[in-house]
């Protein structure tokens, strides 16, 4: 189903209390909490592009696949081609979307769904929330409401790891699987000990984001960079600006989605 919408008729104002940010080649997108989705071309003004009925949606993530913008929302997966919105035939709360290897993946409140360009079908774990997905050569890795699940393509079998907490965000760093738990902890894969959970005093981690060679952590006390220091993982502050919910990078500019200051821009992004 499509939603006709003329962006020029919407009010242009600075988006505040943002949940997600996405930097395309020429357009910046921002999802807000309760005020819809906005876009801004280069140095132009912000324009609200979401339809009125979508403004109460909770937007968990914004994803670009080709020229199409996808929004993972509390009401399902929706897409925008620059002119109109389409509601995908997947009306479940959606947390993540990936388009890889000719397949579309959606992480939802009722498992992992996939599509090869036609109808959506259930792929795995309809009995649980799936928050995030990584697609690496040997494995399909899922962050789920009770921990992690790995699909081994060689053995065609799933392995499950109950960590006693949901894993809401995933990344690979120097060959290690790293994630963030729903309790604000860092989850790190250890070849000898399986998976370990680490809590940083005074910090609540929201998500982990990979941009180029940089591993970035969005927290309630700003943005941090994950790095190796003395053979151990360490966090270095990038910007202590209050709660940061998401981050994206375009060229030498870094864009932070914040709870209280809208979209913040940092120029001259340091190398990872």
C-alpha atoms as a PDB file:
ATOM      1  CA  UNK A   1       0.000   0.000   0.000  1.00  0.00           C
ATOM      2  CA  UNK A   2       1.372   3.441  -0.897  1.00  0.00           C
ATOM      3  CA  UNK A   3       0.979   6.747   0.876  1.00  0.00           C
ATOM      4  CA  UNK A   4       0.964   9.827  -1.386  1.00  0.00           C
ATOM      5  CA  UNK A   5       2.835  12.676   0.223  1.00  0.00           C
ATOM      6  CA  UNK A   6       4.133  16.020  -1.002  1.00  0.00           C
ATOM      7  CA  UNK A   7       7.132  16.952   1.115  1.00  0.00           C
ATOM      8  CA  UNK A   8       6.894  20.640   0.148  1.00  0.00           C
ATOM      9  CA  UNK A   9       3.598  20.986   2.033  1.00  0.00           C
ATOM     10  CA  UNK A  10       5.129  19.973   5.347  1.00  0.00           C
ATOM     11  CA  UNK A  11       6.600  22.378   7.858  1.00  0.00           C
ATOM     12  CA  UNK A  12      10.381  22.734   7.882  1.00  0.00           C
ATOM     13  CA  UNK A  13      11.835  22.796  11.368  1.00  0.00           C
ATOM     14  CA  UNK A  14      14.846  21.395  13.140  1.00  0.00           C
ATOM     15  CA  UNK A  15      14.189  17.759  14.165  1.00  0.00           C
ATOM     16  CA  UNK A  16      14.588  17.216  17.908  1.00  0.00           C
ATOM     17  CA  UNK A  17      14.776  14.126  20.119  1.00  0.00           C
ATOM     18  CA  UNK A  18      16.115  11.865  17.373  1.00  0.00           C
ATOM     19  CA  UNK A  19      16.218   8.076  17.341  1.00  0.00           C
ATOM     20  CA  UNK A  20      18.121   7.512  14.093  1.00  0.00           C
ATOM     21  CA  UNK A  21      20.255   9.375  11.546  1.00  0.00           C
ATOM     22  CA  UNK A  22      21.323   8.351   8.051  1.00  0.00           C
ATOM     23  CA  UNK A  23      23.733  10.168   5.725  1.00  0.00           C
ATOM     24  CA  UNK A  24      23.125   9.474   2.052  1.00  0.00           C
ATOM     25  CA  UNK A  25      25.372  10.797  -0.718  1.00  0.00           C
ATOM     26  CA  UNK A  26      23.416  14.066  -0.993  1.00  0.00           C
ATOM     27  CA  UNK A  27      20.649  13.794   1.595  1.00  0.00           C
ATOM     28  CA  UNK A  28      20.645  13.550   5.383  1.00  0.00           C
ATOM     29  CA  UNK A  29      17.737  11.746   7.059  1.00  0.00           C
ATOM     30  CA  UNK A  30      16.615  11.954  10.677  1.00  0.00           C
ATOM     31  CA  UNK A  31      13.936  10.035  12.572  1.00  0.00           C
ATOM     32  CA  UNK A  32      12.419  11.742  15.596  1.00  0.00           C
ATOM     33  CA  UNK A  33      10.495  10.493  18.589  1.00  0.00           C
ATOM     34  CA  UNK A  34       6.914  11.496  17.915  1.00  0.00           C
ATOM     35  CA  UNK A  35       7.449  14.087  15.165  1.00  0.00           C
ATOM     36  CA  UNK A  36       8.072  11.951  12.096  1.00  0.00           C
ATOM     37  CA  UNK A  37      10.965  11.558   9.642  1.00  0.00           C
ATOM     38  CA  UNK A  38      12.880  14.478   8.133  1.00  0.00           C
ATOM     39  CA  UNK A  39      15.316  14.989   5.279  1.00  0.00           C
ATOM     40  CA  UNK A  40      17.813  17.712   4.364  1.00  0.00           C
ATOM     41  CA  UNK A  41      19.701  18.053   1.092  1.00  0.00           C
ATOM     42  CA  UNK A  42      23.284  19.269   1.513  1.00  0.00           C
ATOM     43  CA  UNK A  43      23.066  22.655   3.280  1.00  0.00           C
ATOM     44  CA  UNK A  44      19.329  23.119   2.725  1.00  0.00           C
ATOM     45  CA  UNK A  45      16.496  23.240   5.259  1.00  0.00           C
ATOM     46  CA  UNK A  46      14.997  20.284   7.061  1.00  0.00           C
ATOM     47  CA  UNK A  47      11.738  19.033   5.500  1.00  0.00           C
ATOM     48  CA  UNK A  48       9.392  16.586   7.166  1.00  0.00           C
ATOM     49  CA  UNK A  49       8.833  13.749   4.684  1.00  0.00           C
ATOM     50  CA  UNK A  50       6.738  11.322   6.732  1.00  0.00           C
ATOM     51  CA  UNK A  51       3.010  11.166   6.198  1.00  0.00           C
ATOM     52  CA  UNK A  52       0.809  12.504   9.048  1.00  0.00           C
ATOM     53  CA  UNK A  53      -0.390   9.027  10.026  1.00  0.00           C
ATOM     54  CA  UNK A  54       3.230   7.869  10.429  1.00  0.00           C
ATOM     55  CA  UNK A  55       4.298  10.505  12.922  1.00  0.00           C
ATOM     56  CA  UNK A  56       3.292   8.445  15.960  1.00  0.00           C
ATOM     57  CA  UNK A  57       5.440   5.548  14.773  1.00  0.00           C
ATOM     58  CA  UNK A  58       8.541   4.692  16.777  1.00  0.00           C
ATOM     59  CA  UNK A  59      11.409   4.527  14.269  1.00  0.00           C
ATOM     60  CA  UNK A  60      14.087   2.083  15.410  1.00  0.00           C
ATOM     61  CA  UNK A  61      16.428   2.405  12.411  1.00  0.00           C
ATOM     62  CA  UNK A  62      16.763   4.098   9.041  1.00  0.00           C
ATOM     63  CA  UNK A  63      18.461   2.110   6.266  1.00  0.00           C
ATOM     64  CA  UNK A  64      19.322   2.959   2.645  1.00  0.00           C
ATOM     65  CA  UNK A  65      19.224   0.188   0.045  1.00  0.00           C
ATOM     66  CA  UNK A  66      20.147   1.644  -3.322  1.00  0.00           C
ATOM     67  CA  UNK A  67      18.015   4.772  -3.707  1.00  0.00           C
ATOM     68  CA  UNK A  68      15.271   3.550  -1.381  1.00  0.00           C
ATOM     69  CA  UNK A  69      14.966   4.634   2.245  1.00  0.00           C
ATOM     70  CA  UNK A  70      13.646   1.992   4.649  1.00  0.00           C
ATOM     71  CA  UNK A  71      12.329   2.775   8.115  1.00  0.00           C
ATOM     72  CA  UNK A  72      12.106   0.017  10.725  1.00  0.00           C
ATOM     73  CA  UNK A  73       9.160   1.091  12.859  1.00  0.00           C
ATOM     74  CA  UNK A  74       6.849  -0.025  15.648  1.00  0.00           C
ATOM     75  CA  UNK A  75       4.157  -0.564  12.992  1.00  0.00           C
ATOM     76  CA  UNK A  76       6.265  -2.518  10.523  1.00  0.00           C
ATOM     77  CA  UNK A  77       8.708  -1.903   7.676  1.00  0.00           C
ATOM     78  CA  UNK A  78       8.023   1.064   5.399  1.00  0.00           C
ATOM     79  CA  UNK A  79       9.962   2.373   2.392  1.00  0.00           C
ATOM     80  CA  UNK A  80      10.310   5.731   0.648  1.00  0.00           C
ATOM     81  CA  UNK A  81      11.420   6.272  -2.965  1.00  0.00           C
ATOM     82  CA  UNK A  82      11.690  10.041  -2.716  1.00  0.00           C
ATOM     83  CA  UNK A  83       8.083  10.594  -3.766  1.00  0.00           C
ATOM     84  CA  UNK A  84       5.852   8.296  -1.771  1.00  0.00           C
ATOM     85  CA  UNK A  85       5.864   5.826   1.090  1.00  0.00           C
ATOM     86  CA  UNK A  86       5.114   2.130   0.686  1.00  0.00           C
ATOM     87  CA  UNK A  87       4.073  -0.125   3.526  1.00  0.00           C
ATOM     88  CA  UNK A  88       5.847  -3.445   3.116  1.00  0.00           C
ATOM     89  CA  UNK A  89       3.735  -6.568   3.620  1.00  0.00           C
ATOM     90  CA  UNK A  90       5.361  -7.064   7.002  1.00  0.00           C
ATOM     91  CA  UNK A  91       3.177  -5.471   9.667  1.00  0.00           C
ATOM     92  CA  UNK A  92       5.247  -6.489  12.666  1.00  0.00           C
ATOM     93  CA  UNK A  93       7.364  -4.213  14.851  1.00  0.00           C
ATOM     94  CA  UNK A  94      10.681  -4.076  12.977  1.00  0.00           C
ATOM     95  CA  UNK A  95      14.117  -3.444  14.502  1.00  0.00           C
ATOM     96  CA  UNK A  96      16.579  -3.935  11.631  1.00  0.00           C
ATOM     97  CA  UNK A  97      16.619  -4.288   7.838  1.00  0.00           C
ATOM     98  CA  UNK A  98      19.390  -5.557   5.562  1.00  0.00           C
ATOM     99  CA  UNK A  99      19.605  -6.005   1.792  1.00  0.00           C
ATOM    100  CA  UNK A 100      22.499  -8.370   1.066  1.00  0.00           C
ATOM    101  CA  UNK A 101      23.279 -11.046  -1.488  1.00  0.00           C
ATOM    102  CA  UNK A 102      20.005 -10.657  -3.344  1.00  0.00           C
ATOM    103  CA  UNK A 103      17.990 -11.193  -0.171  1.00  0.00           C
ATOM    104  CA  UNK A 104      16.086  -8.809   2.089  1.00  0.00           C
ATOM    105  CA  UNK A 105      16.213  -9.499   5.829  1.00  0.00           C
ATOM    106  CA  UNK A 106      13.964  -7.984   8.499  1.00  0.00           C
ATOM    107  CA  UNK A 107      14.455  -8.437  12.243  1.00  0.00           C
ATOM    108  CA  UNK A 108      11.066  -8.268  13.965  1.00  0.00           C
ATOM    109  CA  UNK A 109       9.160  -8.860  17.179  1.00  0.00           C
ATOM    110  CA  UNK A 110       8.344 -12.338  15.830  1.00  0.00           C
ATOM    111  CA  UNK A 111      11.611 -13.595  14.430  1.00  0.00           C
ATOM    112  CA  UNK A 112      13.705 -13.158  11.308  1.00  0.00           C
ATOM    113  CA  UNK A 113      11.880 -12.699   8.012  1.00  0.00           C
ATOM    114  CA  UNK A 114      13.315 -12.698   4.502  1.00  0.00           C
ATOM    115  CA  UNK A 115      12.304 -11.925   0.948  1.00  0.00           C
ATOM    116  CA  UNK A 116      13.924 -12.623  -2.412  1.00  0.00           C
ATOM    117  CA  UNK A 117      11.990  -9.832  -4.071  1.00  0.00           C
ATOM    118  CA  UNK A 118       8.535 -11.347  -3.701  1.00  0.00           C
ATOM    119  CA  UNK A 119       6.495 -12.046  -0.562  1.00  0.00           C
ATOM    120  CA  UNK A 120       8.032 -11.995   2.909  1.00  0.00           C
ATOM    121  CA  UNK A 121       8.436 -15.344   4.644  1.00  0.00           C
ATOM    122  CA  UNK A 122       9.410 -16.501   8.106  1.00  0.00           C
ATOM    123  CA  UNK A 123      13.059 -17.594   8.229  1.00  0.00           C
ATOM    124  CA  UNK A 124      13.769 -18.366  11.907  1.00  0.00           C
ATOM    125  CA  UNK A 125      12.665 -17.980  15.530  1.00  0.00           C
ATOM    126  CA  UNK A 126       9.021 -16.883  15.295  1.00  0.00           C
ATOM    127  CA  UNK A 127       8.762 -17.225  19.086  1.00  0.00           C
ATOM    128  CA  UNK A 128      11.151 -14.393  19.953  1.00  0.00           C
ATOM    129  CA  UNK A 129      12.291 -10.885  19.146  1.00  0.00           C
ATOM    130  CA  UNK A 130      15.228 -10.582  16.777  1.00  0.00           C
ATOM    131  CA  UNK A 131      16.928  -7.197  17.064  1.00  0.00           C
ATOM    132  CA  UNK A 132      19.934  -7.270  14.729  1.00  0.00           C
ATOM    133  CA  UNK A 133      21.650  -9.358  12.069  1.00  0.00           C
ATOM    134  CA  UNK A 134      25.170  -9.812  10.708  1.00  0.00           C
ATOM    135  CA  UNK A 135      25.844 -11.689   7.492  1.00  0.00           C
ATOM    136  CA  UNK A 136      29.426 -13.027   7.312  1.00  0.00           C
ATOM    137  CA  UNK A 137      30.843 -15.706   4.983  1.00  0.00           C
ATOM    138  CA  UNK A 138      30.293 -18.737   7.237  1.00  0.00           C
ATOM    139  CA  UNK A 139      27.609 -17.497   9.598  1.00  0.00           C
ATOM    140  CA  UNK A 140      24.343 -15.643   9.834  1.00  0.00           C
ATOM    141  CA  UNK A 141      24.425 -14.044  13.293  1.00  0.00           C
ATOM    142  CA  UNK A 142      21.348 -12.790  15.130  1.00  0.00           C
ATOM    143  CA  UNK A 143      20.985 -10.649  18.227  1.00  0.00           C
ATOM    144  CA  UNK A 144      17.872 -11.982  19.988  1.00  0.00           C
ATOM    145  CA  UNK A 145      15.862 -11.244  23.118  1.00  0.00           C
ATOM    146  CA  UNK A 146      17.697 -13.904  25.149  1.00  0.00           C
ATOM    147  CA  UNK A 147      21.152 -13.732  23.583  1.00  0.00           C
ATOM    148  CA  UNK A 148      22.674 -14.797  20.275  1.00  0.00           C
ATOM    149  CA  UNK A 149      21.938 -17.272  17.506  1.00  0.00           C
ATOM    150  CA  UNK A 150      24.424 -18.335  14.809  1.00  0.00           C
ATOM    151  CA  UNK A 151      23.510 -20.193  11.628  1.00  0.00           C
ATOM    152  CA  UNK A 152      26.442 -22.248  10.299  1.00  0.00           C
ATOM    153  CA  UNK A 153      26.187 -22.429   6.520  1.00  0.00           C
ATOM    154  CA  UNK A 154      28.566 -25.407   6.393  1.00  0.00           C
ATOM    155  CA  UNK A 155      26.515 -27.592   8.740  1.00  0.00           C
ATOM    156  CA  UNK A 156      23.124 -25.980   7.982  1.00  0.00           C
ATOM    157  CA  UNK A 157      22.440 -25.783  11.715  1.00  0.00           C
ATOM    158  CA  UNK A 158      21.669 -23.112  14.306  1.00  0.00           C
ATOM    159  CA  UNK A 159      23.674 -22.629  17.494  1.00  0.00           C
ATOM    160  CA  UNK A 160      22.057 -20.658  20.313  1.00  0.00           C
ATOM    161  CA  UNK A 161      23.737 -18.836  23.204  1.00  0.00           C
ATOM    162  CA  UNK A 162      21.515 -17.844  26.126  1.00  0.00           C
ATOM    163  CA  UNK A 163      23.180 -14.828  27.732  1.00  0.00           C
ATOM    164  CA  UNK A 164      20.348 -13.956  30.090  1.00  0.00           C
ATOM    165  CA  UNK A 165      19.754 -10.679  28.259  1.00  0.00           C
ATOM    166  CA  UNK A 166      18.726  -9.435  24.861  1.00  0.00           C
ATOM    167  CA  UNK A 167      21.441  -8.416  22.380  1.00  0.00           C
ATOM    168  CA  UNK A 168      20.152  -5.418  20.474  1.00  0.00           C
ATOM    169  CA  UNK A 169      23.152  -4.407  18.345  1.00  0.00           C
ATOM    170  CA  UNK A 170      26.010  -6.358  16.685  1.00  0.00           C
ATOM    171  CA  UNK A 171      29.390  -5.751  15.053  1.00  0.00           C
ATOM    172  CA  UNK A 172      32.606  -7.548  14.105  1.00  0.00           C
ATOM    173  CA  UNK A 173      35.833  -5.934  15.310  1.00  0.00           C
ATOM    174  CA  UNK A 174      39.272  -7.458  14.624  1.00  0.00           C
ATOM    175  CA  UNK A 175      37.630 -10.837  14.102  1.00  0.00           C
ATOM    176  CA  UNK A 176      35.689 -10.664  17.369  1.00  0.00           C
ATOM    177  CA  UNK A 177      31.928 -10.594  17.654  1.00  0.00           C
ATOM    178  CA  UNK A 178      30.858  -7.617  19.740  1.00  0.00           C
ATOM    179  CA  UNK A 179      27.402  -6.443  20.729  1.00  0.00           C
ATOM    180  CA  UNK A 180      25.355  -4.294  23.061  1.00  0.00           C
ATOM    181  CA  UNK A 181      22.805  -5.761  25.462  1.00  0.00           C
ATOM    182  CA  UNK A 182      19.384  -4.400  26.339  1.00  0.00           C
ATOM    183  CA  UNK A 183      20.824  -3.625  29.786  1.00  0.00           C
ATOM    184  CA  UNK A 184      23.422  -1.258  28.345  1.00  0.00           C
ATOM    185  CA  UNK A 185      26.368  -3.667  28.543  1.00  0.00           C
ATOM    186  CA  UNK A 186      29.107  -4.511  26.065  1.00  0.00           C
ATOM    187  CA  UNK A 187      28.972  -8.145  24.922  1.00  0.00           C
ATOM    188  CA  UNK A 188      32.264  -9.594  23.679  1.00  0.00           C
ATOM    189  CA  UNK A 189      32.985 -12.988  22.142  1.00  0.00           C
ATOM    190  CA  UNK A 190      35.867 -14.849  23.782  1.00  0.00           C
ATOM    191  CA  UNK A 191      37.254 -18.049  22.163  1.00  0.00           C
ATOM    192  CA  UNK A 192      37.970 -19.554  25.599  1.00  0.00           C
ATOM    193  CA  UNK A 193      35.055 -18.235  27.641  1.00  0.00           C
ATOM    194  CA  UNK A 194      32.267 -17.926  25.085  1.00  0.00           C
ATOM    195  CA  UNK A 195      30.567 -14.554  25.484  1.00  0.00           C
ATOM    196  CA  UNK A 196      31.270 -12.084  28.273  1.00  0.00           C
ATOM    197  CA  UNK A 197      29.244  -9.076  29.403  1.00  0.00           C
ATOM    198  CA  UNK A 198      30.903  -5.875  30.596  1.00  0.00           C
ATOM    199  CA  UNK A 199      29.254  -2.917  32.285  1.00  0.00           C
ATOM    200  CA  UNK A 200      31.008   0.449  32.272  1.00  0.00           C
ATOM    201  CA  UNK A 201      30.353   2.417  35.435  1.00  0.00           C
ATOM    202  CA  UNK A 202      28.164   5.429  34.772  1.00  0.00           C
ATOM    203  CA  UNK A 203      27.501   4.479  31.138  1.00  0.00           C
ATOM    204  CA  UNK A 204      24.514   2.896  29.440  1.00  0.00           C
ATOM    205  CA  UNK A 205      25.273   1.695  25.908  1.00  0.00           C
ATOM    206  CA  UNK A 206      22.499   2.080  23.342  1.00  0.00           C
ATOM    207  CA  UNK A 207      24.079   0.625  20.207  1.00  0.00           C
ATOM    208  CA  UNK A 208      27.278  -0.221  18.367  1.00  0.00           C
ATOM    209  CA  UNK A 209      27.843   1.180  14.865  1.00  0.00           C
ATOM    210  CA  UNK A 210      30.522   0.267  12.305  1.00  0.00           C
ATOM    211  CA  UNK A 211      31.618   3.031   9.929  1.00  0.00           C
ATOM    212  CA  UNK A 212      34.680   2.225   7.851  1.00  0.00           C
ATOM    213  CA  UNK A 213      37.404   1.145  10.274  1.00  0.00           C
ATOM    214  CA  UNK A 214      35.691   2.830  13.195  1.00  0.00           C
ATOM    215  CA  UNK A 215      33.630   1.029  15.830  1.00  0.00           C
ATOM    216  CA  UNK A 216      31.423   3.604  17.529  1.00  0.00           C
ATOM    217  CA  UNK A 217      29.335   3.259  20.686  1.00  0.00           C
ATOM    218  CA  UNK A 218      26.230   5.379  21.249  1.00  0.00           C
ATOM    219  CA  UNK A 219      25.644   5.925  24.968  1.00  0.00           C
ATOM    220  CA  UNK A 220      23.643   7.997  27.432  1.00  0.00           C
ATOM    221  CA  UNK A 221      26.740  10.163  27.984  1.00  0.00           C
ATOM    222  CA  UNK A 222      27.831  10.772  24.421  1.00  0.00           C
ATOM    223  CA  UNK A 223      29.631   9.002  21.598  1.00  0.00           C
ATOM    224  CA  UNK A 224      32.651   6.738  22.152  1.00  0.00           C
ATOM    225  CA  UNK A 225      35.101   4.932  19.900  1.00  0.00           C
ATOM    226  CA  UNK A 226      36.036   1.316  20.658  1.00  0.00           C
ATOM    227  CA  UNK A 227      39.738   0.526  20.289  1.00  0.00           C
ATOM    228  CA  UNK A 228      42.472  -1.846  21.406  1.00  0.00           C
ATOM    229  CA  UNK A 229      44.672  -0.571  24.213  1.00  0.00           C
ATOM    230  CA  UNK A 230      47.333  -2.828  25.719  1.00  0.00           C
ATOM    231  CA  UNK A 231      45.690  -5.912  24.233  1.00  0.00           C
ATOM    232  CA  UNK A 232      42.298  -5.033  25.723  1.00  0.00           C
ATOM    233  CA  UNK A 233      39.201  -3.299  24.433  1.00  0.00           C
ATOM    234  CA  UNK A 234      38.935   0.299  25.564  1.00  0.00           C
ATOM    235  CA  UNK A 235      36.520   3.173  24.984  1.00  0.00           C
ATOM    236  CA  UNK A 236      37.616   6.682  24.031  1.00  0.00           C
ATOM    237  CA  UNK A 237      35.279   9.649  24.095  1.00  0.00           C
ATOM    238  CA  UNK A 238      34.478  11.251  20.735  1.00  0.00           C
ATOM    239  CA  UNK A 239      31.824  13.729  21.884  1.00  0.00           C
ATOM    240  CA  UNK A 240      30.410  14.096  25.409  1.00  0.00           C
ATOM    241  CA  UNK A 241      27.141  15.755  24.395  1.00  0.00           C
ATOM    242  CA  UNK A 242      24.568  13.805  26.391  1.00  0.00           C
ATOM    243  CA  UNK A 243      22.528  10.853  25.104  1.00  0.00           C
ATOM    244  CA  UNK A 244      23.441   9.772  21.555  1.00  0.00           C
ATOM    245  CA  UNK A 245      21.103   7.228  19.976  1.00  0.00           C
ATOM    246  CA  UNK A 246      22.677   6.776  16.538  1.00  0.00           C
ATOM    247  CA  UNK A 247      25.563   7.974  14.356  1.00  0.00           C
ATOM    248  CA  UNK A 248      26.524   8.047  10.693  1.00  0.00           C
ATOM    249  CA  UNK A 249      29.512   9.313   8.724  1.00  0.00           C
ATOM    250  CA  UNK A 250      29.758  10.968   5.306  1.00  0.00           C
ATOM    251  CA  UNK A 251      33.199  12.017   4.139  1.00  0.00           C
ATOM    252  CA  UNK A 252      34.821  13.952   6.970  1.00  0.00           C
ATOM    253  CA  UNK A 253      31.519  14.764   8.667  1.00  0.00           C
ATOM    254  CA  UNK A 254      30.016  12.755  11.495  1.00  0.00           C
ATOM    255  CA  UNK A 255      26.308  13.113  12.299  1.00  0.00           C
ATOM    256  CA  UNK A 256      24.976  12.280  15.763  1.00  0.00           C
ATOM    257  CA  UNK A 257      21.312  11.625  16.573  1.00  0.00           C
ATOM    258  CA  UNK A 258      20.764  12.966  20.086  1.00  0.00           C
ATOM    259  CA  UNK A 259      17.863  12.937  22.508  1.00  0.00           C
ATOM    260  CA  UNK A 260      18.017  16.618  23.406  1.00  0.00           C
ATOM    261  CA  UNK A 261      19.933  18.471  20.683  1.00  0.00           C
ATOM    262  CA  UNK A 262      18.579  17.005  17.458  1.00  0.00           C
ATOM    263  CA  UNK A 263      21.229  16.174  14.849  1.00  0.00           C
ATOM    264  CA  UNK A 264      24.748  17.280  15.790  1.00  0.00           C
ATOM    265  CA  UNK A 265      27.486  17.548  13.172  1.00  0.00           C
ATOM    266  CA  UNK A 266      31.181  17.003  13.881  1.00  0.00           C
ATOM    267  CA  UNK A 267      33.610  18.086  11.175  1.00  0.00           C
ATOM    268  CA  UNK A 268      37.045  16.601  10.550  1.00  0.00           C
ATOM    269  CA  UNK A 269      36.314  13.027  11.558  1.00  0.00           C
ATOM    270  CA  UNK A 270      39.513  11.401  12.894  1.00  0.00           C
ATOM    271  CA  UNK A 271      40.715   8.136  11.362  1.00  0.00           C
ATOM    272  CA  UNK A 272      39.620   4.928  13.042  1.00  0.00           C
END
